Amino acid sequence: MDGLSCCSVKISNISCQDQEFVLSGFPGFENWNHVLSLPFTVMFFLMCFGNLTIMAIVIREASLHEPMYILICILAAADFVSGVTLLPSLLATLWYGTHIIPFNVCFIQMFFIYFPPVIASSLLVLMAYDRYVAVCNPLRYSSIMTNNFIFKGCVFIIIRSLCFIMPIPVIARMLTYCNKCTINNVFCDYFAVINNACTHTFMTDNYMTITLFLISPFDAFLIGLSYYMIISAAINLHSQEARGKVFSTCSSHLFVILIFYLSGTLYILVFIFENRFSSHIHAFFSILYIVIPSSLNPVIYGMKSKEIRLLVLKYLKRY
């Protein structure tokens, strides 16, 4: 009997891996799919237009080839990748009820959804350091924040992010899956995918949680420390105009940081207390963690950064 059950598990595993996963969307809210698709459609166009505009303007305008704007451009690229990986799948699920995704494609999607937010978290640390140097050590800014420094920082960020994120889809792919291959989400969320696995280990159940707690608190501490020193330096400035300029320059970064970490914190809390929340709540907050920063970051930078705002208006008037 044990041999037969083992054989049946292997057969179901082969059939699942040779076929596909089924994304169910928001469990229990199937009748609201078309209504829910409206705000996500708006976010999709906002995300595409905003991030592509930021990237195009920074790349095209020589006056914006400075560390702060280069980092904003890279952040926009990371937001665009995560948004364009998630939102089309999300909209297809909401429009057609269920969305079938090939087995291996699911794990590729998983990587490209989780990889950009980790890059974004590290970029926010580098951007906070950039603002710290600009405010607290302005005379040495050009010698510290060089193109070589930015390049090395970005290479380190990519390697660091790969080391943390690459094991996530690899671990999920190595599991044995039963004949039930329905994911209670609109994308290949790690936790929703491994719920279909026949076997579980401590590493598979906890790697994602360990990764989140290794990355987020450390990055948040460095960002908080940088802005504590920036605010302390700004308060000690004698000129009211100089203080206003500092707060105005840093406010856009603070908005982006707050949105990123608040949405991420909600996602983590819903996962920790998942027994108290239904499947659609977990799915909803896992989506907001990706969609909100990707959609709102270019709007915030476009509105709060005077140079970017003026250039956007200039091109809009021209066309």
C-alpha atoms as a PDB file:
ATOM      1  CA  MET A   1       0.000   0.000   0.000  1.00  0.00           C
ATOM      2  CA  ASP A   2       2.850   2.364   0.855  1.00  0.00           C
ATOM      3  CA  GLY A   3       4.455   1.621  -2.500  1.00  0.00           C
ATOM      4  CA  LEU A   4       1.218   2.390  -4.317  1.00  0.00           C
ATOM      5  CA  SER A   5       0.733   5.699  -2.463  1.00  0.00           C
ATOM      6  CA  CYS A   6       4.353   6.646  -3.138  1.00  0.00           C
ATOM      7  CA  CYS A   7       3.865   5.786  -6.785  1.00  0.00           C
ATOM      8  CA  SER A   8       0.673   7.826  -6.955  1.00  0.00           C
ATOM      9  CA  VAL A   9       2.466  10.833  -5.461  1.00  0.00           C
ATOM     10  CA  LYS A  10       5.203  10.510  -8.091  1.00  0.00           C
ATOM     11  CA  ILE A  11       2.661  10.206 -10.903  1.00  0.00           C
ATOM     12  CA  SER A  12       0.705  13.252  -9.674  1.00  0.00           C
ATOM     13  CA  ASN A  13       3.991  15.141  -9.264  1.00  0.00           C
ATOM     14  CA  ILE A  14       4.933  14.398 -12.883  1.00  0.00           C
ATOM     15  CA  SER A  15       1.506  15.395 -14.175  1.00  0.00           C
ATOM     16  CA  CYS A  16       1.566  18.648 -12.216  1.00  0.00           C
ATOM     17  CA  GLN A  17       5.078  19.581 -13.295  1.00  0.00           C
ATOM     18  CA  ASP A  18       4.401  18.648 -16.913  1.00  0.00           C
ATOM     19  CA  GLN A  19       1.251  20.756 -16.985  1.00  0.00           C
ATOM     20  CA  GLU A  20       0.737  23.961 -15.021  1.00  0.00           C
ATOM     21  CA  PHE A  21      -0.389  25.798 -11.924  1.00  0.00           C
ATOM     22  CA  VAL A  22      -3.797  27.450 -11.784  1.00  0.00           C
ATOM     23  CA  LEU A  23      -3.983  30.948 -10.253  1.00  0.00           C
ATOM     24  CA  SER A  24      -7.355  31.217  -8.526  1.00  0.00           C
ATOM     25  CA  GLY A  25      -7.298  34.980  -7.847  1.00  0.00           C
ATOM     26  CA  PHE A  26      -9.003  36.233  -4.698  1.00  0.00           C
ATOM     27  CA  PRO A  27     -10.733  33.190  -3.137  1.00  0.00           C
ATOM     28  CA  GLY A  28     -14.364  33.989  -2.299  1.00  0.00           C
ATOM     29  CA  PHE A  29     -14.397  37.231  -4.323  1.00  0.00           C
ATOM     30  CA  GLU A  30     -14.886  35.777  -7.807  1.00  0.00           C
ATOM     31  CA  ASN A  31     -18.003  37.901  -8.383  1.00  0.00           C
ATOM     32  CA  TRP A  32     -15.996  41.071  -7.739  1.00  0.00           C
ATOM     33  CA  ASN A  33     -13.154  40.293 -10.143  1.00  0.00           C
ATOM     34  CA  HIS A  34     -14.211  42.795 -12.832  1.00  0.00           C
ATOM     35  CA  VAL A  35     -14.707  45.541 -10.253  1.00  0.00           C
ATOM     36  CA  LEU A  36     -11.311  44.851  -8.683  1.00  0.00           C
ATOM     37  CA  SER A  37      -9.674  44.917 -12.108  1.00  0.00           C
ATOM     38  CA  LEU A  38     -10.479  48.630 -12.565  1.00  0.00           C
ATOM     39  CA  PRO A  39      -8.079  50.115  -9.953  1.00  0.00           C
ATOM     40  CA  PHE A  40      -5.365  47.613 -10.895  1.00  0.00           C
ATOM     41  CA  THR A  41      -5.736  48.574 -14.560  1.00  0.00           C
ATOM     42  CA  VAL A  42      -5.234  52.224 -13.605  1.00  0.00           C
ATOM     43  CA  MET A  43      -2.191  51.233 -11.525  1.00  0.00           C
ATOM     44  CA  PHE A  44      -0.779  49.251 -14.461  1.00  0.00           C
ATOM     45  CA  PHE A  45      -0.897  52.219 -16.854  1.00  0.00           C
ATOM     46  CA  LEU A  46       0.328  54.570 -14.110  1.00  0.00           C
ATOM     47  CA  MET A  47       3.221  52.227 -13.322  1.00  0.00           C
ATOM     48  CA  CYS A  48       4.236  51.840 -16.991  1.00  0.00           C
ATOM     49  CA  PHE A  49       3.919  55.517 -17.910  1.00  0.00           C
ATOM     50  CA  GLY A  50       5.492  56.856 -14.703  1.00  0.00           C
ATOM     51  CA  ASN A  51       8.516  54.576 -14.511  1.00  0.00           C
ATOM     52  CA  LEU A  52       9.259  54.677 -18.244  1.00  0.00           C
ATOM     53  CA  THR A  53       8.996  58.476 -18.189  1.00  0.00           C
ATOM     54  CA  ILE A  54      11.409  58.749 -15.246  1.00  0.00           C
ATOM     55  CA  MET A  55      13.903  56.416 -16.937  1.00  0.00           C
ATOM     56  CA  ALA A  56      13.672  58.189 -20.307  1.00  0.00           C
ATOM     57  CA  ILE A  57      14.109  61.672 -18.829  1.00  0.00           C
ATOM     58  CA  VAL A  58      17.070  60.742 -16.611  1.00  0.00           C
ATOM     59  CA  ILE A  59      18.825  58.870 -19.437  1.00  0.00           C
ATOM     60  CA  ARG A  60      18.180  61.607 -22.017  1.00  0.00           C
ATOM     61  CA  GLU A  61      18.915  64.731 -19.958  1.00  0.00           C
ATOM     62  CA  ALA A  62      22.622  65.306 -19.270  1.00  0.00           C
ATOM     63  CA  SER A  63      21.735  67.705 -16.433  1.00  0.00           C
ATOM     64  CA  LEU A  64      20.263  64.754 -14.488  1.00  0.00           C
ATOM     65  CA  HIS A  65      23.347  62.552 -14.755  1.00  0.00           C
ATOM     66  CA  GLU A  66      24.006  62.971 -11.044  1.00  0.00           C
ATOM     67  CA  PRO A  67      24.079  60.262  -8.336  1.00  0.00           C
ATOM     68  CA  MET A  68      20.648  61.075  -6.910  1.00  0.00           C
ATOM     69  CA  TYR A  69      18.883  60.938 -10.293  1.00  0.00           C
ATOM     70  CA  ILE A  70      20.834  57.888 -11.453  1.00  0.00           C
ATOM     71  CA  LEU A  71      19.634  56.042  -8.344  1.00  0.00           C
ATOM     72  CA  ILE A  72      16.062  57.233  -8.974  1.00  0.00           C
ATOM     73  CA  CYS A  73      16.355  55.886 -12.535  1.00  0.00           C
ATOM     74  CA  ILE A  74      17.568  52.482 -11.299  1.00  0.00           C
ATOM     75  CA  LEU A  75      14.756  52.390  -8.722  1.00  0.00           C
ATOM     76  CA  ALA A  76      12.253  53.147 -11.513  1.00  0.00           C
ATOM     77  CA  ALA A  77      13.700  50.254 -13.544  1.00  0.00           C
ATOM     78  CA  ALA A  78      13.318  47.876 -10.571  1.00  0.00           C
ATOM     79  CA  ASP A  79       9.730  49.046  -9.998  1.00  0.00           C
ATOM     80  CA  PHE A  80       8.945  48.599 -13.697  1.00  0.00           C
ATOM     81  CA  VAL A  81      10.267  45.008 -13.759  1.00  0.00           C
ATOM     82  CA  SER A  82       8.268  43.934 -10.690  1.00  0.00           C
ATOM     83  CA  GLY A  83       5.131  45.738 -11.883  1.00  0.00           C
ATOM     84  CA  VAL A  84       5.218  44.404 -15.437  1.00  0.00           C
ATOM     85  CA  THR A  85       5.853  40.893 -14.092  1.00  0.00           C
ATOM     86  CA  LEU A  86       2.897  40.960 -11.679  1.00  0.00           C
ATOM     87  CA  LEU A  87       0.162  43.205 -13.078  1.00  0.00           C
ATOM     88  CA  PRO A  88      -0.507  41.496 -16.449  1.00  0.00           C
ATOM     89  CA  SER A  89      -0.887  38.155 -14.644  1.00  0.00           C
ATOM     90  CA  LEU A  90      -3.106  39.798 -12.045  1.00  0.00           C
ATOM     91  CA  LEU A  91      -5.350  41.421 -14.677  1.00  0.00           C
ATOM     92  CA  ALA A  92      -5.600  38.196 -16.694  1.00  0.00           C
ATOM     93  CA  THR A  93      -6.773  36.379 -13.556  1.00  0.00           C
ATOM     94  CA  LEU A  94      -9.343  39.060 -12.713  1.00  0.00           C
ATOM     95  CA  TRP A  95     -10.645  39.312 -16.293  1.00  0.00           C
ATOM     96  CA  TYR A  96     -10.879  35.581 -17.061  1.00  0.00           C
ATOM     97  CA  GLY A  97     -11.608  34.157 -13.594  1.00  0.00           C
ATOM     98  CA  THR A  98      -8.637  31.789 -13.478  1.00  0.00           C
ATOM     99  CA  HIS A  99      -5.232  32.010 -15.084  1.00  0.00           C
ATOM    100  CA  ILE A 100      -3.121  29.028 -16.050  1.00  0.00           C
ATOM    101  CA  ILE A 101       0.642  29.407 -15.767  1.00  0.00           C
ATOM    102  CA  PRO A 102       3.185  26.746 -16.856  1.00  0.00           C
ATOM    103  CA  PHE A 103       5.015  24.999 -14.044  1.00  0.00           C
ATOM    104  CA  ASN A 104       8.531  26.346 -14.705  1.00  0.00           C
ATOM    105  CA  VAL A 105       7.262  29.793 -15.743  1.00  0.00           C
ATOM    106  CA  CYS A 106       5.699  30.083 -12.277  1.00  0.00           C
ATOM    107  CA  PHE A 107       9.105  29.938 -10.594  1.00  0.00           C
ATOM    108  CA  ILE A 108      10.610  32.376 -13.097  1.00  0.00           C
ATOM    109  CA  GLN A 109       7.775  34.782 -12.269  1.00  0.00           C
ATOM    110  CA  MET A 110       8.427  34.216  -8.567  1.00  0.00           C
ATOM    111  CA  PHE A 111      12.056  35.310  -8.991  1.00  0.00           C
ATOM    112  CA  PHE A 112      11.273  38.441 -11.033  1.00  0.00           C
ATOM    113  CA  ILE A 113       8.599  39.541  -8.552  1.00  0.00           C
ATOM    114  CA  TYR A 114      10.737  39.175  -5.401  1.00  0.00           C
ATOM    115  CA  PHE A 115      14.109  40.244  -6.842  1.00  0.00           C
ATOM    116  CA  PRO A 116      13.264  43.932  -7.643  1.00  0.00           C
ATOM    117  CA  PRO A 117      11.835  44.791  -4.175  1.00  0.00           C
ATOM    118  CA  VAL A 118      15.043  43.574  -2.517  1.00  0.00           C
ATOM    119  CA  ILE A 119      17.047  45.700  -4.961  1.00  0.00           C
ATOM    120  CA  ALA A 120      14.718  48.627  -4.171  1.00  0.00           C
ATOM    121  CA  SER A 121      15.293  48.184  -0.422  1.00  0.00           C
ATOM    122  CA  SER A 122      19.076  48.318  -0.923  1.00  0.00           C
ATOM    123  CA  LEU A 123      18.771  51.268  -3.309  1.00  0.00           C
ATOM    124  CA  LEU A 124      16.834  53.207  -0.671  1.00  0.00           C
ATOM    125  CA  VAL A 125      19.780  52.682   1.694  1.00  0.00           C
ATOM    126  CA  LEU A 126      22.189  54.028  -0.932  1.00  0.00           C
ATOM    127  CA  MET A 127      19.866  56.963  -1.663  1.00  0.00           C
ATOM    128  CA  ALA A 128      19.653  57.770   2.065  1.00  0.00           C
ATOM    129  CA  TYR A 129      23.455  57.735   2.240  1.00  0.00           C
ATOM    130  CA  ASP A 130      23.570  60.034  -0.810  1.00  0.00           C
ATOM    131  CA  ARG A 131      21.304  62.548   0.955  1.00  0.00           C
ATOM    132  CA  TYR A 132      23.357  62.201   4.165  1.00  0.00           C
ATOM    133  CA  VAL A 133      26.579  63.103   2.348  1.00  0.00           C
ATOM    134  CA  ALA A 134      24.871  65.963   0.486  1.00  0.00           C
ATOM    135  CA  VAL A 135      23.533  67.511   3.716  1.00  0.00           C
ATOM    136  CA  CYS A 136      26.144  66.612   6.335  1.00  0.00           C
ATOM    137  CA  ASN A 137      29.303  66.697   4.223  1.00  0.00           C
ATOM    138  CA  PRO A 138      28.502  68.856   1.171  1.00  0.00           C
ATOM    139  CA  LEU A 139      32.100  69.958   0.485  1.00  0.00           C
ATOM    140  CA  ARG A 140      33.182  66.348  -0.082  1.00  0.00           C
ATOM    141  CA  TYR A 141      30.027  65.249  -1.907  1.00  0.00           C
ATOM    142  CA  SER A 142      31.542  65.192  -5.403  1.00  0.00           C
ATOM    143  CA  SER A 143      34.611  63.268  -4.206  1.00  0.00           C
ATOM    144  CA  ILE A 144      32.561  60.668  -2.270  1.00  0.00           C
ATOM    145  CA  MET A 145      29.528  60.130  -4.521  1.00  0.00           C
ATOM    146  CA  THR A 146      31.466  59.427  -7.698  1.00  0.00           C
ATOM    147  CA  ASN A 147      30.243  57.407 -10.681  1.00  0.00           C
ATOM    148  CA  ASN A 148      32.674  54.660  -9.680  1.00  0.00           C
ATOM    149  CA  PHE A 149      31.187  54.554  -6.176  1.00  0.00           C
ATOM    150  CA  ILE A 150      27.634  54.348  -7.572  1.00  0.00           C
ATOM    151  CA  PHE A 151      28.655  51.575  -9.991  1.00  0.00           C
ATOM    152  CA  LYS A 152      30.300  49.516  -7.235  1.00  0.00           C
ATOM    153  CA  GLY A 153      27.323  50.107  -4.950  1.00  0.00           C
ATOM    154  CA  CYS A 154      24.881  48.895  -7.616  1.00  0.00           C
ATOM    155  CA  VAL A 155      26.988  45.795  -8.357  1.00  0.00           C
ATOM    156  CA  PHE A 156      27.070  44.987  -4.621  1.00  0.00           C
ATOM    157  CA  ILE A 157      23.280  45.497  -4.409  1.00  0.00           C
ATOM    158  CA  ILE A 158      22.645  43.110  -7.329  1.00  0.00           C
ATOM    159  CA  ILE A 159      24.954  40.412  -5.892  1.00  0.00           C
ATOM    160  CA  ARG A 160      23.437  40.787  -2.419  1.00  0.00           C
ATOM    161  CA  SER A 161      19.899  40.576  -3.784  1.00  0.00           C
ATOM    162  CA  LEU A 162      20.728  37.511  -5.890  1.00  0.00           C
ATOM    163  CA  CYS A 163      22.216  35.734  -2.878  1.00  0.00           C
ATOM    164  CA  PHE A 164      19.032  36.253  -0.884  1.00  0.00           C
ATOM    165  CA  ILE A 165      16.404  35.776  -3.602  1.00  0.00           C
ATOM    166  CA  MET A 166      17.789  33.103  -5.951  1.00  0.00           C
ATOM    167  CA  PRO A 167      17.264  30.288  -3.385  1.00  0.00           C
ATOM    168  CA  ILE A 168      13.527  31.133  -3.097  1.00  0.00           C
ATOM    169  CA  PRO A 169      12.380  29.800  -6.507  1.00  0.00           C
ATOM    170  CA  VAL A 170      15.079  27.065  -6.392  1.00  0.00           C
ATOM    171  CA  ILE A 171      13.798  25.738  -3.063  1.00  0.00           C
ATOM    172  CA  ALA A 172      10.183  25.925  -4.243  1.00  0.00           C
ATOM    173  CA  ARG A 173      11.054  24.157  -7.524  1.00  0.00           C
ATOM    174  CA  MET A 174      12.794  21.277  -5.720  1.00  0.00           C
ATOM    175  CA  LEU A 175       9.682  20.346  -3.717  1.00  0.00           C
ATOM    176  CA  THR A 176       7.409  17.447  -4.631  1.00  0.00           C
ATOM    177  CA  TYR A 177       3.946  18.669  -5.591  1.00  0.00           C
ATOM    178  CA  CYS A 178       0.687  16.787  -5.241  1.00  0.00           C
ATOM    179  CA  ASN A 179      -2.097  16.637  -7.802  1.00  0.00           C
ATOM    180  CA  LYS A 180      -3.681  19.795  -6.381  1.00  0.00           C
ATOM    181  CA  CYS A 181      -1.863  22.613  -8.179  1.00  0.00           C
ATOM    182  CA  THR A 182      -4.151  25.568  -7.466  1.00  0.00           C
ATOM    183  CA  ILE A 183      -2.484  28.707  -6.114  1.00  0.00           C
ATOM    184  CA  ASN A 184      -4.763  30.863  -3.970  1.00  0.00           C
ATOM    185  CA  ASN A 185      -3.364  34.091  -5.335  1.00  0.00           C
ATOM    186  CA  VAL A 186      -3.082  36.068  -8.560  1.00  0.00           C
ATOM    187  CA  PHE A 187       0.633  35.375  -8.963  1.00  0.00           C
ATOM    188  CA  CYS A 188       3.148  32.722  -7.905  1.00  0.00           C
ATOM    189  CA  ASP A 189       3.503  33.847  -4.312  1.00  0.00           C
ATOM    190  CA  TYR A 190       6.045  31.646  -2.534  1.00  0.00           C
ATOM    191  CA  PHE A 191       3.804  30.792   0.408  1.00  0.00           C
ATOM    192  CA  ALA A 192       0.800  30.019  -1.803  1.00  0.00           C
ATOM    193  CA  VAL A 193       2.900  27.803  -4.085  1.00  0.00           C
ATOM    194  CA  ILE A 194       4.528  25.673  -1.362  1.00  0.00           C
ATOM    195  CA  ASN A 195       1.096  25.045   0.184  1.00  0.00           C
ATOM    196  CA  ASN A 196       0.610  22.653  -2.753  1.00  0.00           C
ATOM    197  CA  ALA A 197       3.739  20.673  -1.891  1.00  0.00           C
ATOM    198  CA  CYS A 198       3.474  17.110  -0.588  1.00  0.00           C
ATOM    199  CA  THR A 199       6.640  17.460   1.478  1.00  0.00           C
ATOM    200  CA  HIS A 200       7.835  20.283   3.708  1.00  0.00           C
ATOM    201  CA  THR A 201      11.081  20.960   5.558  1.00  0.00           C
ATOM    202  CA  PHE A 202      12.154  23.607   8.038  1.00  0.00           C
ATOM    203  CA  MET A 203      14.074  25.402   5.284  1.00  0.00           C
ATOM    204  CA  THR A 204      11.173  25.442   2.809  1.00  0.00           C
ATOM    205  CA  ASP A 205       8.714  26.684   5.416  1.00  0.00           C
ATOM    206  CA  ASN A 206      10.967  29.351   6.929  1.00  0.00           C
ATOM    207  CA  TYR A 207      13.507  30.528   4.340  1.00  0.00           C
ATOM    208  CA  MET A 208      11.296  33.346   3.047  1.00  0.00           C
ATOM    209  CA  THR A 209      10.573  34.550   6.589  1.00  0.00           C
ATOM    210  CA  ILE A 210      14.258  34.437   7.539  1.00  0.00           C
ATOM    211  CA  THR A 211      15.148  36.378   4.382  1.00  0.00           C
ATOM    212  CA  LEU A 212      12.573  39.087   5.092  1.00  0.00           C
ATOM    213  CA  PHE A 213      13.815  39.541   8.651  1.00  0.00           C
ATOM    214  CA  LEU A 214      17.471  39.641   7.583  1.00  0.00           C
ATOM    215  CA  ILE A 215      16.940  42.261   4.881  1.00  0.00           C
ATOM    216  CA  SER A 216      14.178  44.620   6.032  1.00  0.00           C
ATOM    217  CA  PRO A 217      15.229  45.507   9.634  1.00  0.00           C
ATOM    218  CA  PHE A 218      18.887  45.965   8.646  1.00  0.00           C
ATOM    219  CA  ASP A 219      18.076  48.225   5.685  1.00  0.00           C
ATOM    220  CA  ALA A 220      15.461  50.131   7.677  1.00  0.00           C
ATOM    221  CA  PHE A 221      18.004  50.727  10.488  1.00  0.00           C
ATOM    222  CA  LEU A 222      20.600  52.161   8.079  1.00  0.00           C
ATOM    223  CA  ILE A 223      17.990  54.394   6.432  1.00  0.00           C
ATOM    224  CA  GLY A 224      16.682  55.559   9.806  1.00  0.00           C
ATOM    225  CA  LEU A 225      20.212  56.318  11.015  1.00  0.00           C
ATOM    226  CA  SER A 226      20.982  58.337   7.872  1.00  0.00           C
ATOM    227  CA  TYR A 227      17.829  60.429   8.137  1.00  0.00           C
ATOM    228  CA  TYR A 228      18.287  60.929  11.883  1.00  0.00           C
ATOM    229  CA  MET A 229      21.678  62.511  11.143  1.00  0.00           C
ATOM    230  CA  ILE A 230      20.214  64.501   8.228  1.00  0.00           C
ATOM    231  CA  ILE A 231      17.386  65.899  10.369  1.00  0.00           C
ATOM    232  CA  SER A 232      19.810  66.679  13.218  1.00  0.00           C
ATOM    233  CA  ALA A 233      22.074  68.569  10.811  1.00  0.00           C
ATOM    234  CA  ALA A 234      19.105  70.404   9.257  1.00  0.00           C
ATOM    235  CA  ILE A 235      17.812  71.545  12.663  1.00  0.00           C
ATOM    236  CA  ASN A 236      21.228  73.013  13.508  1.00  0.00           C
ATOM    237  CA  LEU A 237      21.282  75.129  10.357  1.00  0.00           C
ATOM    238  CA  HIS A 238      20.881  78.825  11.121  1.00  0.00           C
ATOM    239  CA  SER A 239      19.156  79.712   7.877  1.00  0.00           C
ATOM    240  CA  GLN A 240      15.419  79.006   7.650  1.00  0.00           C
ATOM    241  CA  GLU A 241      15.726  78.855   3.876  1.00  0.00           C
ATOM    242  CA  ALA A 242      18.513  76.261   4.081  1.00  0.00           C
ATOM    243  CA  ARG A 243      16.441  74.092   6.459  1.00  0.00           C
ATOM    244  CA  GLY A 244      13.466  74.304   4.121  1.00  0.00           C
ATOM    245  CA  LYS A 245      15.608  73.299   1.152  1.00  0.00           C
ATOM    246  CA  VAL A 246      16.964  70.261   3.004  1.00  0.00           C
ATOM    247  CA  PHE A 247      13.512  69.048   4.048  1.00  0.00           C
ATOM    248  CA  SER A 248      12.125  69.699   0.571  1.00  0.00           C
ATOM    249  CA  THR A 249      14.925  67.721  -1.079  1.00  0.00           C
ATOM    250  CA  CYS A 250      14.598  64.761   1.293  1.00  0.00           C
ATOM    251  CA  SER A 251      10.790  64.676   1.537  1.00  0.00           C
ATOM    252  CA  SER A 252      10.318  62.688  -1.701  1.00  0.00           C
ATOM    253  CA  HIS A 253      12.741  60.030  -0.473  1.00  0.00           C
ATOM    254  CA  LEU A 254      10.960  59.852   2.875  1.00  0.00           C
ATOM    255  CA  PHE A 255       7.570  59.369   1.178  1.00  0.00           C
ATOM    256  CA  VAL A 256       8.953  56.541  -0.957  1.00  0.00           C
ATOM    257  CA  ILE A 257      10.617  54.894   2.057  1.00  0.00           C
ATOM    258  CA  LEU A 258       7.436  55.088   4.147  1.00  0.00           C
ATOM    259  CA  ILE A 259       5.272  53.619   1.380  1.00  0.00           C
ATOM    260  CA  PHE A 260       7.756  50.803   0.706  1.00  0.00           C
ATOM    261  CA  TYR A 261       8.239  49.750   4.314  1.00  0.00           C
ATOM    262  CA  LEU A 262       4.633  50.225   5.425  1.00  0.00           C
ATOM    263  CA  SER A 263       3.334  47.993   2.615  1.00  0.00           C
ATOM    264  CA  GLY A 264       6.109  45.488   3.329  1.00  0.00           C
ATOM    265  CA  THR A 265       5.360  45.482   7.070  1.00  0.00           C
ATOM    266  CA  LEU A 266       1.669  44.813   6.418  1.00  0.00           C
ATOM    267  CA  TYR A 267       2.614  41.919   4.143  1.00  0.00           C
ATOM    268  CA  ILE A 268       4.888  40.408   6.817  1.00  0.00           C
ATOM    269  CA  LEU A 269       2.294  40.853   9.579  1.00  0.00           C
ATOM    270  CA  VAL A 270      -0.436  39.188   7.507  1.00  0.00           C
ATOM    271  CA  PHE A 271       1.895  36.264   6.875  1.00  0.00           C
ATOM    272  CA  ILE A 272       2.936  35.927  10.550  1.00  0.00           C
ATOM    273  CA  PHE A 273      -0.697  35.941  11.672  1.00  0.00           C
ATOM    274  CA  GLU A 274      -1.962  34.050   8.607  1.00  0.00           C
ATOM    275  CA  ASN A 275      -4.180  31.807  10.735  1.00  0.00           C
ATOM    276  CA  ARG A 276      -6.235  34.881  11.661  1.00  0.00           C
ATOM    277  CA  PHE A 277      -6.666  36.038   8.068  1.00  0.00           C
ATOM    278  CA  SER A 278      -8.429  34.435   5.116  1.00  0.00           C
ATOM    279  CA  SER A 279      -6.668  33.558   1.842  1.00  0.00           C
ATOM    280  CA  HIS A 280      -7.946  36.612  -0.031  1.00  0.00           C
ATOM    281  CA  ILE A 281      -6.543  38.968   2.639  1.00  0.00           C
ATOM    282  CA  HIS A 282      -3.110  37.374   2.302  1.00  0.00           C
ATOM    283  CA  ALA A 283      -3.356  37.601  -1.511  1.00  0.00           C
ATOM    284  CA  PHE A 284      -4.443  41.242  -1.357  1.00  0.00           C
ATOM    285  CA  PHE A 285      -1.568  42.417   0.859  1.00  0.00           C
ATOM    286  CA  SER A 286       1.024  40.386  -1.065  1.00  0.00           C
ATOM    287  CA  ILE A 287      -0.088  42.293  -4.183  1.00  0.00           C
ATOM    288  CA  LEU A 288      -0.110  45.730  -2.526  1.00  0.00           C
ATOM    289  CA  TYR A 289       3.481  45.161  -1.363  1.00  0.00           C
ATOM    290  CA  ILE A 290       4.505  45.111  -5.052  1.00  0.00           C
ATOM    291  CA  VAL A 291       1.912  47.299  -6.776  1.00  0.00           C
ATOM    292  CA  ILE A 292       1.738  50.367  -4.516  1.00  0.00           C
ATOM    293  CA  PRO A 293       5.471  51.270  -4.540  1.00  0.00           C
ATOM    294  CA  SER A 294       5.757  50.500  -8.283  1.00  0.00           C
ATOM    295  CA  SER A 295       2.812  52.777  -9.105  1.00  0.00           C
ATOM    296  CA  LEU A 296       3.350  55.631  -6.651  1.00  0.00           C
ATOM    297  CA  ASN A 297       7.153  56.032  -6.637  1.00  0.00           C
ATOM    298  CA  PRO A 298       7.359  57.777 -10.045  1.00  0.00           C
ATOM    299  CA  VAL A 299       4.414  60.015  -9.121  1.00  0.00           C
ATOM    300  CA  ILE A 300       6.111  61.057  -5.877  1.00  0.00           C
ATOM    301  CA  TYR A 301       9.443  61.773  -7.575  1.00  0.00           C
ATOM    302  CA  GLY A 302       7.679  63.539 -10.438  1.00  0.00           C
ATOM    303  CA  MET A 303       5.771  65.793  -8.034  1.00  0.00           C
ATOM    304  CA  LYS A 304       8.422  66.405  -5.373  1.00  0.00           C
ATOM    305  CA  SER A 305      11.564  66.678  -7.525  1.00  0.00           C
ATOM    306  CA  LYS A 306      11.539  70.099  -9.152  1.00  0.00           C
ATOM    307  CA  GLU A 307      14.003  69.180 -11.920  1.00  0.00           C
ATOM    308  CA  ILE A 308      12.074  66.059 -12.963  1.00  0.00           C
ATOM    309  CA  ARG A 309       8.710  67.839 -12.688  1.00  0.00           C
ATOM    310  CA  LEU A 310       9.803  70.718 -14.927  1.00  0.00           C
ATOM    311  CA  LEU A 311      11.220  68.356 -17.539  1.00  0.00           C
ATOM    312  CA  VAL A 312       8.039  66.240 -17.556  1.00  0.00           C
ATOM    313  CA  LEU A 313       5.936  69.394 -18.087  1.00  0.00           C
ATOM    314  CA  LYS A 314       8.337  70.515 -20.808  1.00  0.00           C
ATOM    315  CA  TYR A 315       7.926  67.256 -22.765  1.00  0.00           C
ATOM    316  CA  LEU A 316       4.160  67.166 -22.216  1.00  0.00           C
ATOM    317  CA  LYS A 317       3.832  70.670 -23.638  1.00  0.00           C
ATOM    318  CA  ARG A 318       6.018  69.746 -26.611  1.00  0.00           C
ATOM    319  CA  TYR A 319       3.931  66.678 -27.526  1.00  0.00           C
END
